[in-house]
C-alpha cells in the first residue's frame, strides 16, 4: 500500500478546515467589548483561553487555501483580541488570570508562520503591526527563556525553534546564536534509552530510584522533538537534525498500533489525551518531513492523525475517545493548538509514503526503561506497560507501585489506560472538569484498603521493586510493593506483590496481600469498553462492575472489585473474545 501526497494533503486539509470552521463558529463578535470580541469561547470551560490568539496561523492558512474572506476576518479579530494577554514587556500571558508568560514562545512561532507563509493576505499596515508584535515577542524571549530559565525543557526547545525562525525573519545574529545554544542545551538532556528528559521541576532532578522527568507520549513527541526538528531545519544544523532523527526513533516505540502515544508512564500524564497532550501542538509536521527519508516516520504521523479524526466531534478535537459517549464537551484548547501543527504540516514538505509497520506492530517481548522504571511487554496481540516510576510532578499522583499503566489488544484497542490518578486540576487554566462528576474514578488497576483513616493503595508506593522475565509461552512481570498512603507513607503490614503473566491467550494477575488485611482490602480493576472477558480464579468478585469515566485519557470503563481469599490471594484472568473489533475502527488506518 502507498499513500500519495495528494491524498494525504486532501484528508489533512479536510480535518483542518473542519476545525477552523468550529473556531470561527465559536468566535465572539458584536459585543462592543474588546475584552471579549475576537476571542474564542470554549464550550467545555465557559471561558476564552488566553492562548486562542495562536489560531491566527491556521485561520490564515484556511483563508489562503479557500479564498474565503470569513477566515481572514476571524484571524484579524483574533489578532486584535490578543492585546488582552499582551504585557508591556512584550510577553504574553497564558490566560487573563495567569502570570505565566512562557507561552509567548508558542505564540511567536504561530505568528511567524502566519506572516511567513500567508502574510500576503494582510495590508501593508496590518503586516507592519503584526511584525512589530512579533519582534517584541522575540526580544522578550531572548531575555527570559534562556538556559537559566526554570521552565520545562519543552519551552527551551520551542525557543530554539522560535529564535532560529525569528533570527532568519529579522536577520538577527543574536537570535540565531541563542537558538544554537538552546538546541545544544536540550540535547544534553538525553537519557540512556535515548529519551528526552526535563518535564519536571527541577528539570535535572534524579529520583531515589534513578528516574528522570520524562513525558514521552505527551510533551516530548508533541512539543520538544518537533521544536528541535524545526530548529534544525531553520538553522541548517545537520548535527542536530541527525540527533533528532535518533531521538524520534527511540520515541516511536511508544506509538501504539492505533496511532495513540502511550504516555501512561509520563511525568505529565495528567494531561494525556490518548492522542497526545491537551495543550501541546502535535507531531505531524516533523514526522512527515522525516518521512521523505524513512516511511516509518510518515506512517507514525498518519496513524496519529487518523486518531485525531476519530476523536473529532462537531469540529472540535475531544480530550479522548469516549468524551462524546459520556456527554463531555470538547475543550477548544486541543483544537487551536493542534490546528497549528496541521497547518505547519500542509505548509511544509508532505511526501508520498509507503504504508509500513511501526515498531509497536512487532515489538520486543520485554523492554525496560530505567529512567522510568517501566517495563513494556508484548505477546501476540497484547501490549502491556507496568510502571514503578517514583518521580513526583507538581503533586500529581501518576501511576506507580508496579501497577499496570497500559493494556492494549489488537482486537479491542485499549483495555487499560492510566492518565490522571485523581480529578484535581493541576493546571486549572489548561484542564477541564467533567460535567458528570458522579461517574469519575481512577483508571489504575490497584490493590487498596479503605479500613484506615485515609485511603492506602499500591499505586502510591514509590519504592516498588519490579522484575521481569520471558517464559516458554510469554512474559512475566512481578512487582513487590507496599500499600501506601497518598503521601508515600507505608501502611504497617501492607507488603504486597502482583505478578502479571502475559501469554498469547490472556493476561493473568496473581495478587497477594497479608492475610491479616484480606477482609479490608480489595483489588480494583477498571477495564475500558466491553470486549474483555474476566475470570476469577482465586478470591471473589465483590459486586457487579460499576460505570466509570476517566477524563484523562478519556475512556469509559467497567470497574470490577475483588476480595482476597483467606490467605490473601486473588487471581484474575483477562482475555479478549476473538470476534471483538477495535473500538471505533481503531486499526482501520493501519496497513
Protein backbone atom coordinates (compact mmCIF):
# COMPACT_ATOMS: atom_id res chain seq x y z
CA UNK A 1 0.00 0.00 0.00
CA UNK A 2 1.08 3.57 -0.64
CA UNK A 3 -0.31 6.94 0.37
CA UNK A 4 0.04 9.66 -2.23
CA UNK A 5 0.98 13.15 -1.16
CA UNK A 6 -2.19 14.46 -2.80
CA UNK A 7 -4.47 12.12 -0.86
CA UNK A 8 -2.71 12.82 2.43
CA UNK A 9 -2.97 16.55 1.80
CA UNK A 10 -6.67 16.25 0.95
CA UNK A 11 -7.56 14.39 4.13
CA UNK A 12 -5.49 16.61 6.42
CA UNK A 13 -6.94 19.73 4.79
CA UNK A 14 -10.49 18.45 5.30
CA UNK A 15 -9.96 17.95 9.02
CA UNK A 16 -8.15 21.26 9.47
CA UNK A 17 -10.93 23.16 7.69
CA UNK A 18 -13.46 21.37 9.89
CA UNK A 19 -11.55 22.59 12.93
CA UNK A 20 -11.23 26.13 11.56
CA UNK A 21 -14.96 26.28 10.88
CA UNK A 22 -15.58 25.39 14.54
CA UNK A 23 -13.15 28.10 15.70
CA UNK A 24 -14.95 30.69 13.59
CA UNK A 25 -18.31 29.48 14.89
CA UNK A 26 -17.14 29.90 18.50
CA UNK A 27 -15.58 33.33 17.97
CA UNK A 28 -17.24 36.12 19.97
CA UNK A 29 -18.43 39.10 17.92
CA UNK A 30 -20.54 42.25 18.20
CA UNK A 31 -20.49 42.76 21.96
CA UNK A 32 -18.60 46.04 21.53
CA UNK A 33 -16.30 44.90 24.32
CA UNK A 34 -12.64 44.49 23.28
CA UNK A 35 -12.07 42.11 26.19
CA UNK A 36 -14.48 39.69 24.51
CA UNK A 37 -14.78 40.42 20.78
CA UNK A 38 -12.45 38.30 18.69
CA UNK A 39 -11.86 35.73 21.43
CA UNK A 40 -12.87 32.10 21.02
CA UNK A 41 -15.31 30.82 23.62
CA UNK A 42 -14.62 27.34 24.99
CA UNK A 43 -17.77 25.20 25.31
CA UNK A 44 -16.15 22.98 27.94
CA UNK A 45 -14.62 25.63 30.18
CA UNK A 46 -17.04 28.53 29.61
CA UNK A 47 -14.20 30.98 29.08
CA UNK A 48 -11.82 32.39 26.50
CA UNK A 49 -8.48 30.60 26.76
CA UNK A 50 -5.65 33.12 26.64
CA UNK A 51 -3.68 31.24 24.01
CA UNK A 52 -6.53 31.16 21.48
CA UNK A 53 -4.88 34.03 19.53
CA UNK A 54 -2.31 31.47 18.32
CA UNK A 55 -5.03 30.26 15.92
CA UNK A 56 -4.31 33.25 13.67
CA UNK A 57 -1.97 30.89 11.83
CA UNK A 58 -4.41 28.08 10.89
CA UNK A 59 -7.10 30.69 10.14
CA UNK A 60 -4.80 32.49 7.70
CA UNK A 61 -3.94 29.12 6.19
CA UNK A 62 -7.67 28.46 5.68
CA UNK A 63 -8.17 31.91 4.14
CA UNK A 64 -5.25 31.41 1.75
CA UNK A 65 -6.35 27.88 0.82
CA UNK A 66 -10.05 28.54 0.24
CA UNK A 67 -10.18 32.24 -0.63
CA UNK A 68 -12.97 32.55 1.93
CA UNK A 69 -12.86 36.04 3.44
CA UNK A 70 -14.52 34.89 6.68
CA UNK A 71 -11.34 33.12 7.81
CA UNK A 72 -9.25 36.24 7.19
CA UNK A 73 -11.75 38.37 9.11
CA UNK A 74 -11.66 35.89 12.00
CA UNK A 75 -7.85 35.96 12.04
CA UNK A 76 -7.81 39.77 12.15
CA UNK A 77 -10.26 39.90 15.03
CA UNK A 78 -8.35 37.19 16.88
CA UNK A 79 -5.08 39.08 16.49
CA UNK A 80 -6.75 42.15 17.98
CA UNK A 81 -8.12 40.13 20.90
CA UNK A 82 -4.56 39.03 21.66
CA UNK A 83 -3.92 42.51 23.06
CA UNK A 84 -5.81 41.35 26.17
CA UNK A 85 -2.99 38.99 27.15
CA UNK A 86 -0.08 41.09 25.85
CA UNK A 87 2.15 42.64 28.51
CA UNK A 88 4.12 45.87 28.23
CA UNK A 89 7.42 43.95 28.18
CA UNK A 90 6.42 42.01 25.04
CA UNK A 91 5.47 38.79 26.77
CA UNK A 92 2.05 37.13 26.56
CA UNK A 93 0.21 35.62 29.50
CA UNK A 94 -1.17 32.11 29.43
CA UNK A 95 -4.61 33.41 30.41
CA UNK A 96 -6.31 36.57 31.55
CA UNK A 97 -5.86 35.44 35.16
CA UNK A 98 -2.43 33.84 34.79
CA UNK A 99 1.01 35.34 35.36
CA UNK A 100 2.88 32.69 33.34
CA UNK A 101 4.37 34.17 30.16
CA UNK A 102 6.50 31.29 28.88
CA UNK A 103 3.74 30.54 26.36
CA UNK A 104 4.94 33.61 24.45
CA UNK A 105 7.21 31.19 22.62
CA UNK A 106 4.31 29.25 21.09
CA UNK A 107 2.52 32.45 20.13
CA UNK A 108 5.70 33.74 18.47
CA UNK A 109 6.13 30.63 16.32
CA UNK A 110 2.45 30.75 15.29
CA UNK A 111 2.65 34.44 14.42
CA UNK A 112 5.88 33.91 12.48
CA UNK A 113 4.27 31.13 10.44
CA UNK A 114 1.18 33.21 9.77
CA UNK A 115 3.37 36.02 8.42
CA UNK A 116 5.94 33.89 6.63
CA UNK A 117 3.51 31.62 4.78
CA UNK A 118 0.41 33.81 4.45
CA UNK A 119 1.43 37.40 5.17
CA UNK A 120 0.50 38.44 1.63
CA UNK A 121 -3.14 38.35 2.74
CA UNK A 122 -2.56 41.34 5.03
CA UNK A 123 -2.43 45.00 4.11
CA UNK A 124 0.93 46.73 4.45
CA UNK A 125 -0.20 48.48 7.64
CA UNK A 126 -1.51 45.22 9.12
CA UNK A 127 1.65 43.36 8.30
CA UNK A 128 3.79 46.06 9.93
CA UNK A 129 1.67 45.86 13.09
CA UNK A 130 1.86 42.07 13.21
CA UNK A 131 5.63 42.18 12.67
CA UNK A 132 6.03 44.74 15.46
CA UNK A 133 4.27 42.37 17.86
CA UNK A 134 6.46 39.51 16.66
CA UNK A 135 9.67 41.47 17.20
CA UNK A 136 8.57 42.46 20.72
CA UNK A 137 7.88 38.79 21.43
CA UNK A 138 11.32 37.88 20.16
CA UNK A 139 13.01 40.42 22.42
CA UNK A 140 11.09 39.10 25.43
CA UNK A 141 12.02 35.52 24.58
CA UNK A 142 15.69 36.37 24.12
CA UNK A 143 15.78 37.89 27.61
CA UNK A 144 13.61 35.45 29.52
CA UNK A 145 13.58 31.97 28.00
CA UNK A 146 17.25 31.01 28.20
CA UNK A 147 19.21 28.16 29.75
CA UNK A 148 18.87 29.88 33.13
CA UNK A 149 15.07 29.75 33.00
CA UNK A 150 13.34 27.21 35.26
CA UNK A 151 10.82 26.36 32.53
CA UNK A 152 10.21 22.79 31.42
CA UNK A 153 12.55 21.62 28.67
CA UNK A 154 9.84 21.79 26.00
CA UNK A 155 9.83 25.60 26.37
CA UNK A 156 13.57 25.82 25.75
CA UNK A 157 13.29 23.55 22.72
CA UNK A 158 10.43 25.70 21.43
CA UNK A 159 12.55 28.80 21.92
CA UNK A 160 15.40 27.23 19.97
CA UNK A 161 12.91 26.95 17.11
CA UNK A 162 11.48 30.44 17.68
CA UNK A 163 14.88 32.13 17.81
CA UNK A 164 16.01 30.40 14.62
CA UNK A 165 12.82 31.34 12.78
CA UNK A 166 12.78 34.93 14.04
CA UNK A 167 16.54 35.20 13.55
CA UNK A 168 16.06 34.41 9.87
CA UNK A 169 12.98 36.62 9.54
CA UNK A 170 14.58 39.69 11.16
CA UNK A 171 18.21 38.91 10.22
CA UNK A 172 19.21 38.82 13.90
CA UNK A 173 22.51 37.15 14.76
CA UNK A 174 21.65 37.49 18.45
CA UNK A 175 18.54 35.36 18.00
CA UNK A 176 20.37 32.79 15.86
CA UNK A 177 23.16 32.46 18.41
CA UNK A 178 20.69 31.87 21.24
CA UNK A 179 18.85 29.30 19.12
CA UNK A 180 22.03 27.27 18.69
CA UNK A 181 22.83 27.42 22.42
CA UNK A 182 19.34 26.33 23.42
CA UNK A 183 19.31 23.41 21.00
CA UNK A 184 22.65 22.19 22.35
CA UNK A 185 21.36 22.58 25.90
CA UNK A 186 18.29 20.45 25.11
CA UNK A 187 20.41 17.74 23.51
CA UNK A 188 22.25 17.49 26.82
CA UNK A 189 19.07 16.01 28.30
CA UNK A 190 19.05 12.60 26.62
CA UNK A 191 18.65 9.53 28.81
CA UNK A 192 20.35 6.16 28.45
CA UNK A 193 17.37 4.84 26.46
CA UNK A 194 17.53 7.74 24.04
CA UNK A 195 14.60 9.67 25.51
CA UNK A 196 14.42 13.39 26.26
CA UNK A 197 14.05 14.32 29.93
CA UNK A 198 13.28 17.65 31.59
CA UNK A 199 9.48 17.73 32.03
CA UNK A 200 9.59 18.39 35.75
CA UNK A 201 10.75 20.83 38.39
CA UNK A 202 13.68 20.90 38.66
CA UNK A 203 14.42 19.71 35.13
CA UNK A 204 17.54 17.74 36.06
CA UNK A 205 16.25 16.07 39.23
CA UNK A 206 17.02 12.38 39.70
CA UNK A 207 14.67 10.38 41.93
CA UNK A 208 15.81 7.93 44.63
CA UNK A 209 15.31 5.10 42.12
CA UNK A 210 17.27 6.95 39.43
CA UNK A 211 14.22 8.01 37.42
CA UNK A 212 14.04 11.23 35.41
CA UNK A 213 11.26 13.63 34.45
CA UNK A 214 10.28 12.11 31.10
CA UNK A 215 6.96 12.72 29.35
CA UNK A 216 7.36 10.56 26.27
CA UNK A 217 3.87 10.40 24.79
CA UNK A 218 2.92 13.95 25.67
CA UNK A 219 5.31 16.87 25.63
CA UNK A 220 8.30 15.04 24.16
CA UNK A 221 6.62 13.96 20.93
CA UNK A 222 4.18 16.86 20.62
CA UNK A 223 6.41 19.79 21.59
CA UNK A 224 10.09 19.17 22.35
CA UNK A 225 11.09 16.95 19.42
CA UNK A 226 9.02 18.83 16.80
CA UNK A 227 10.60 22.09 18.02
CA UNK A 228 14.15 20.72 17.84
CA UNK A 229 13.46 19.34 14.36
CA UNK A 230 12.09 22.72 13.30
CA UNK A 231 15.16 24.45 14.73
CA UNK A 232 17.50 22.11 12.83
CA UNK A 233 15.77 22.89 9.54
CA UNK A 234 15.62 26.64 10.11
CA UNK A 235 19.25 26.84 11.26
CA UNK A 236 20.60 24.35 8.74
CA UNK A 237 22.07 22.43 11.68
CA UNK A 238 22.77 18.98 10.28
CA UNK A 239 24.23 17.61 13.51
CA UNK A 240 21.08 18.46 15.45
CA UNK A 241 18.93 17.07 12.63
CA UNK A 242 20.74 13.72 12.91
CA UNK A 243 20.35 13.73 16.69
CA UNK A 244 16.62 14.45 16.31
CA UNK A 245 16.21 11.54 13.92
CA UNK A 246 17.73 9.18 16.50
CA UNK A 247 15.53 10.66 19.22
CA UNK A 248 12.41 10.21 17.13
CA UNK A 249 13.31 6.55 16.53
CA UNK A 250 13.63 5.94 20.27
CA UNK A 251 10.30 7.63 20.96
CA UNK A 252 8.46 5.75 18.19
CA UNK A 253 8.46 2.69 20.44
CA UNK A 254 5.74 4.46 22.45
CA UNK A 255 3.39 4.86 19.46
CA UNK A 256 0.66 2.22 19.72
CA UNK A 257 -0.59 0.49 16.56
CA UNK A 258 -3.80 2.56 16.63
CA UNK A 259 -1.86 5.84 16.47
CA UNK A 260 -2.00 6.71 20.19
CA UNK A 261 1.05 7.84 22.10
CA UNK A 262 1.47 5.81 25.29
CA UNK A 263 2.02 8.49 27.93
CA UNK A 264 0.85 6.31 30.80
CA UNK A 265 4.32 6.39 32.39
CA UNK A 266 4.92 10.10 31.68
CA UNK A 267 5.55 12.64 34.41
CA UNK A 268 2.80 14.87 32.99
CA UNK A 269 0.32 12.11 32.22
CA UNK A 270 -2.43 14.08 33.97
CA UNK A 271 -2.74 15.93 30.62
CA UNK A 272 -2.67 12.75 28.50
CA UNK A 273 -5.47 12.68 25.94
CA UNK A 274 -4.60 9.35 24.26
CA UNK A 275 -3.63 11.08 21.01
CA UNK A 276 -1.10 13.27 22.85
CA UNK A 277 -1.20 16.09 25.38
CA UNK A 278 -4.01 18.57 25.98
CA UNK A 279 -2.14 21.83 25.32
CA UNK A 280 0.80 20.77 23.16
CA UNK A 281 0.87 21.13 19.35
CA UNK A 282 1.44 17.77 17.68
CA UNK A 283 3.98 15.64 15.87
CA UNK A 284 2.81 15.68 12.25
CA UNK A 285 4.97 18.39 10.71
CA UNK A 286 8.27 16.96 11.93
CA UNK A 287 7.41 13.32 11.28
CA UNK A 288 6.05 13.88 7.77
CA UNK A 289 9.22 15.79 6.89
CA UNK A 290 11.34 12.88 8.14
CA UNK A 291 9.11 10.53 6.16
CA UNK A 292 10.84 11.60 2.97
CA UNK A 293 13.87 9.62 4.18
CA UNK A 294 12.14 6.77 6.04
CA UNK A 295 8.43 5.99 5.59
CA UNK A 296 8.10 4.75 9.20
CA UNK A 297 8.05 8.38 10.36
CA UNK A 298 5.30 9.36 7.93
CA UNK A 299 3.38 6.22 8.88
CA UNK A 300 3.54 7.22 12.54
CA UNK A 301 2.31 10.72 11.72
CA UNK A 302 -0.53 9.33 9.63
CA UNK A 303 -1.76 6.91 12.28
CA UNK A 304 -1.71 9.67 14.90
CA UNK A 305 -3.55 12.00 12.53
CA UNK A 306 -6.18 9.30 11.98
CA UNK A 307 -6.74 9.23 15.74
CA UNK A 308 -7.40 13.00 15.63
CA UNK A 309 -10.18 12.30 13.16
CA UNK A 310 -11.73 9.61 15.35
CA UNK A 311 -11.70 11.97 18.34
CA UNK A 312 -13.17 14.98 16.47
CA UNK A 313 -16.85 15.74 17.10
CA UNK A 314 -18.72 18.79 15.78
CA UNK A 315 -15.45 20.26 14.54
CA UNK A 316 -13.56 20.05 17.85
CA UNK A 317 -10.84 17.66 18.93
CA UNK A 318 -12.10 15.98 22.12
CA UNK A 319 -9.80 15.10 25.01
CA UNK A 320 -10.24 11.36 24.48
CA UNK A 321 -12.13 8.70 22.51
CA UNK A 322 -15.11 8.40 24.90
CA UNK A 323 -15.82 12.06 25.61
CA UNK A 324 -18.93 12.09 23.45
CA UNK A 325 -20.17 8.79 24.91
CA UNK A 326 -20.05 10.34 28.38
CA UNK A 327 -21.63 13.62 27.29
CA UNK A 328 -18.42 15.63 27.80
CA UNK A 329 -17.93 18.79 25.70
CA UNK A 330 -14.60 19.22 23.96
CA UNK A 331 -12.22 21.88 25.27
CA UNK A 332 -11.33 24.19 22.39
CA UNK A 333 -7.71 24.34 23.59
CA UNK A 334 -6.98 20.97 21.99
CA UNK A 335 -8.23 22.19 18.62
CA UNK A 336 -6.48 25.53 18.29
CA UNK A 337 -3.15 24.06 19.45
CA UNK A 338 -3.22 21.05 17.15
CA UNK A 339 -4.59 23.11 14.27
CA UNK A 340 -1.23 24.91 14.22
CA UNK A 341 0.60 21.59 13.76
CA UNK A 342 -1.65 20.53 10.88
CA UNK A 343 -1.25 23.92 9.20
CA UNK A 344 2.54 23.58 9.52
CA UNK A 345 2.26 20.11 8.01
CA UNK A 346 0.40 21.45 4.99
CA UNK A 347 2.78 24.39 4.61
CA UNK A 348 5.78 22.06 4.78
CA UNK A 349 7.04 19.01 2.89
CA UNK A 350 4.37 16.31 2.72
CA UNK A 351 5.80 13.33 0.83
CA UNK A 352 4.13 10.28 -0.60
CA UNK A 353 4.95 7.30 1.59
CA UNK A 354 4.65 3.55 1.76
CA UNK A 355 2.32 2.13 4.41
CA UNK A 356 4.74 0.25 6.62
CA UNK A 357 4.71 -1.26 10.11
CA UNK A 358 5.61 0.88 13.12
CA UNK A 359 7.79 -0.55 15.93
CA UNK A 360 4.81 -1.45 18.14
CA UNK A 361 3.41 -3.69 15.40
CA UNK A 362 6.30 -6.11 16.06
CA UNK A 363 7.91 -5.09 19.36
CA UNK A 364 10.43 -6.92 21.52
CA UNK A 365 8.87 -9.23 24.14
CA UNK A 366 10.36 -7.22 27.01
CA UNK A 367 11.92 -3.76 27.26
CA UNK A 368 12.98 -1.97 30.41
CA UNK A 369 13.27 1.82 30.62
CA UNK A 370 15.38 2.53 33.72
CA UNK A 371 14.77 6.28 33.57
CA UNK A 372 11.06 5.48 34.06
CA UNK A 373 11.48 2.21 35.96
CA UNK A 374 8.90 0.91 33.50
CA UNK A 375 8.63 -2.45 31.78
CA UNK A 376 6.91 -2.73 28.42
CA UNK A 377 5.90 -6.20 27.28
CA UNK A 378 4.38 -7.75 24.17
CA UNK A 379 2.99 -11.19 23.41
CA UNK A 380 0.93 -11.85 20.31
CA UNK A 381 -1.78 -9.20 20.11
CA UNK A 382 -1.13 -7.87 23.63
CA UNK A 383 0.84 -4.77 24.65
CA UNK A 384 1.47 -4.12 28.36
CA UNK A 385 3.17 -1.35 30.34
CA UNK A 386 3.92 -1.57 34.07
CA UNK A 387 5.18 1.47 35.99
CA UNK A 388 7.38 1.83 39.06
CA UNK A 389 8.36 5.44 38.39
CA UNK A 390 8.94 7.43 41.58
CA UNK A 391 9.23 10.90 40.05
CA UNK A 392 6.75 13.31 41.58
CA UNK A 393 5.47 16.21 39.50
CA UNK A 394 3.59 19.18 40.95
CA UNK A 395 1.77 16.92 43.38
CA UNK A 396 0.40 14.81 40.54
CA UNK A 397 -0.06 11.19 41.55
CA UNK A 398 0.80 9.44 38.32
CA UNK A 399 0.74 5.66 38.31
CA UNK A 400 3.50 3.88 40.21
CA UNK A 401 3.85 0.95 42.60
CA UNK A 402 4.28 -1.64 39.86
CA UNK A 403 0.72 -1.09 38.64
CA UNK A 404 -0.39 -1.62 35.05
CA UNK A 405 -0.38 1.73 33.28
CA UNK A 406 -1.46 0.42 29.86
CA UNK A 407 -3.02 -2.75 28.45
CA UNK A 408 -3.79 -2.89 24.74
CA UNK A 409 -5.04 -5.66 22.44
CA UNK A 410 -5.13 -5.66 18.65
CA UNK A 411 -8.73 -6.91 18.54
CA UNK A 412 -10.06 -4.48 21.14
CA UNK A 413 -7.73 -1.49 21.35
CA UNK A 414 -7.03 -0.07 24.83
CA UNK A 415 -8.33 -2.06 27.78
CA UNK A 416 -6.43 -0.14 30.48
CA UNK A 417 -5.01 3.38 30.05
CA UNK A 418 -4.00 5.37 33.13
CA UNK A 419 -3.54 9.11 32.99
CA UNK A 420 -4.65 11.31 35.85
CA UNK A 421 -4.91 9.42 39.14
CA UNK A 422 -7.41 11.86 40.64
CA UNK A 423 -9.56 14.75 39.40
CA UNK A 424 -7.52 17.57 40.93
CA UNK A 425 -6.82 20.39 38.48
CA UNK A 426 -3.02 20.53 38.42
CA UNK A 427 -3.16 23.25 35.78
CA UNK A 428 -6.58 24.91 36.24
CA UNK A 429 -6.27 27.03 33.09
CA UNK A 430 -5.31 24.03 30.96
CA UNK A 431 -7.65 21.28 32.15
CA UNK A 432 -11.37 20.72 32.26
CA UNK A 433 -13.75 19.15 34.76
CA UNK A 434 -16.30 16.51 33.89
CA UNK A 435 -19.95 17.53 33.63
CA UNK A 436 -20.73 14.16 35.25
CA UNK A 437 -18.56 14.08 38.39
CA UNK A 438 -20.56 11.17 39.76
CA UNK A 439 -19.03 8.90 37.10
CA UNK A 440 -15.42 9.90 37.80
CA UNK A 441 -12.86 7.41 39.03
CA UNK A 442 -9.25 6.32 38.83
CA UNK A 443 -8.30 4.21 35.82
CA UNK A 444 -5.46 2.40 37.59
CA UNK A 445 -5.76 -1.32 38.48
CA UNK A 446 -4.67 -1.39 42.10
CA UNK A 447 -4.70 -3.14 45.42
CA UNK A 448 -6.12 -0.82 48.07
CA UNK A 449 -7.64 -0.66 51.53
CA UNK A 450 -10.05 1.86 52.99
CA UNK A 451 -10.07 0.41 56.50
CA UNK A 452 -7.78 3.20 57.71
CA UNK A 453 -8.12 6.94 58.34
CA UNK A 454 -7.01 7.74 54.76
CA UNK A 455 -7.05 5.54 51.64
CA UNK A 456 -3.91 3.47 51.09
CA UNK A 457 -3.03 1.69 47.89
CA UNK A 458 -0.35 0.03 45.81
CA UNK A 459 -0.41 2.89 43.30
CA UNK A 460 1.07 5.29 45.87
CA UNK A 461 4.13 3.11 46.55
CA UNK A 462 7.28 4.86 45.29
CA UNK A 463 9.84 2.18 46.07
CA UNK A 464 8.25 -0.88 44.46
CA UNK A 465 10.74 -3.41 43.09
CA UNK A 466 10.00 -4.60 39.54
CA UNK A 467 11.44 -7.64 37.81
CA UNK A 468 10.63 -9.40 34.54
CA UNK A 469 11.47 -12.49 32.55
CA UNK A 470 10.48 -14.37 29.44
CA UNK A 471 8.80 -17.75 29.73
CA UNK A 472 8.13 -20.56 27.29
CA UNK A 473 4.71 -19.12 26.44
CA UNK A 474 5.07 -15.40 27.17
CA UNK A 475 6.43 -12.98 29.75
CA UNK A 476 6.13 -12.43 33.49
CA UNK A 477 6.46 -9.10 35.30
CA UNK A 478 6.46 -9.02 39.10
CA UNK A 479 6.03 -6.01 41.38
CA UNK A 480 6.91 -6.26 45.08
CA UNK A 481 5.30 -3.24 46.71
CA UNK A 482 3.54 -1.94 49.79
CA UNK A 483 0.17 -0.33 50.35
CA UNK A 484 0.96 3.34 50.93
CA UNK A 485 -0.92 6.50 51.78
CA UNK A 486 -1.11 9.30 49.24
CA UNK A 487 1.99 10.96 50.67
CA UNK A 488 4.03 7.76 50.22
CA UNK A 489 3.98 6.59 53.86
CA UNK A 490 3.71 2.79 54.03
CA UNK A 491 0.76 1.16 55.75
CA UNK A 492 2.08 -1.05 58.59
CA UNK A 493 1.85 -4.68 57.48
CA UNK A 494 0.88 -3.58 53.98
CA UNK A 495 3.50 -5.51 52.00
CA UNK A 496 2.06 -7.00 48.80
CA UNK A 497 3.01 -8.30 45.39
CA UNK A 498 1.36 -8.56 42.00
CA UNK A 499 2.55 -10.85 39.22
CA UNK A 500 1.47 -10.25 35.62
CA UNK A 501 1.61 -13.36 33.41
CA UNK A 502 1.12 -12.48 29.76
CA UNK A 503 0.56 -15.16 27.11
CA UNK A 504 -0.96 -15.24 23.64
CA UNK A 505 -4.37 -16.04 25.16
CA UNK A 506 -4.66 -13.92 28.30
CA UNK A 507 -3.20 -11.72 30.97
CA UNK A 508 -3.35 -13.40 34.38
CA UNK A 509 -2.93 -11.25 37.50
CA UNK A 510 -1.77 -13.01 40.66
CA UNK A 511 -2.20 -10.70 43.66
CA UNK A 512 -1.17 -11.26 47.25
CA UNK A 513 -1.54 -9.21 50.43
CA UNK A 514 -1.04 -10.09 54.09
CA UNK A 515 -3.85 -12.42 55.25
CA UNK A 516 -4.45 -10.00 58.10
CA UNK A 517 -5.61 -7.41 55.55
CA UNK A 518 -7.75 -9.76 53.45
CA UNK A 519 -11.04 -8.61 54.92
CA UNK A 520 -10.32 -4.90 54.44
CA UNK A 521 -8.53 -4.99 51.07
CA UNK A 522 -9.80 -5.13 47.54
CA UNK A 523 -8.24 -5.23 44.08
CA UNK A 524 -9.83 -2.69 41.73
CA UNK A 525 -9.75 -3.45 38.00
CA UNK A 526 -11.12 -0.79 35.60
CA UNK A 527 -11.48 -2.14 32.04
CA UNK A 528 -12.24 0.04 29.02
CA UNK A 529 -15.18 -0.96 26.85
CA UNK A 530 -16.85 -4.36 26.88
CA UNK A 531 -14.53 -6.52 24.77
CA UNK A 532 -12.69 -8.17 27.66
CA UNK A 533 -13.79 -11.31 29.50
CA UNK A 534 -12.81 -11.50 33.17
CA UNK A 535 -12.48 -14.81 35.01
CA UNK A 536 -11.96 -15.05 38.77
CA UNK A 537 -9.59 -17.93 39.52
CA UNK A 538 -8.91 -17.02 43.14
CA UNK A 539 -10.63 -14.66 45.56
CA UNK A 540 -14.10 -13.36 44.78
CA UNK A 541 -15.90 -10.64 42.84
CA UNK A 542 -17.43 -8.20 45.33
CA UNK A 543 -20.23 -6.79 43.16
CA UNK A 544 -21.28 -6.08 39.60
CA UNK A 545 -18.88 -3.73 37.77
CA UNK A 546 -19.59 -0.01 38.12
CA UNK A 547 -19.55 2.53 35.28
CA UNK A 548 -16.64 4.96 35.48
CA UNK A 549 -15.30 7.69 33.22
CA UNK A 550 -11.64 8.71 33.26
CA UNK A 551 -11.25 12.25 31.96
CA UNK A 552 -7.58 11.64 31.18
CA UNK A 553 -7.01 9.93 28.79
CA UNK A 554 -10.76 9.91 28.10
CA UNK A 555 -12.30 6.44 28.45
CA UNK A 556 -15.43 4.83 29.85
CA UNK A 557 -14.69 1.78 31.99
CA UNK A 558 -16.30 -1.09 33.83
CA UNK A 559 -14.79 -1.06 37.31
CA UNK A 560 -14.53 -4.51 38.95
CA UNK A 561 -13.66 -5.05 42.63
CA UNK A 562 -12.28 -8.32 44.01
CA UNK A 563 -11.79 -9.55 47.57
CA UNK A 564 -8.78 -11.75 48.51
CA UNK A 565 -9.36 -15.23 49.87
CA UNK A 566 -8.45 -16.02 53.47
CA UNK A 567 -4.79 -16.49 52.53
CA UNK A 568 -4.65 -13.05 50.90
CA UNK A 569 -4.65 -14.22 47.27
CA UNK A 570 -6.56 -13.00 44.20
CA UNK A 571 -6.10 -14.50 40.73
CA UNK A 572 -7.82 -12.91 37.73
CA UNK A 573 -7.65 -13.75 34.03
CA UNK A 574 -8.33 -11.14 31.32
CA UNK A 575 -8.95 -12.34 27.77
CA UNK A 576 -10.46 -10.86 24.60
CA UNK A 577 -13.14 -12.54 22.57
CA UNK A 578 -11.87 -13.35 19.10
CA UNK A 579 -14.93 -11.71 17.48
CA UNK A 580 -14.09 -8.36 19.11
CA UNK A 581 -13.45 -5.42 16.85
CA UNK A 582 -11.15 -2.46 17.56
CA UNK A 583 -13.07 0.38 19.20
CA UNK A 584 -14.19 2.99 16.64
CA UNK A 585 -12.33 1.17 13.89
CA UNK A 586 -9.08 1.72 15.77
CA UNK A 587 -6.94 -0.18 13.26
CA UNK A 588 -8.69 0.88 10.08
CA UNK A 589 -5.78 3.17 9.23
CA UNK A 590 -3.09 0.52 9.68
CA UNK A 591 -1.61 -1.15 6.59
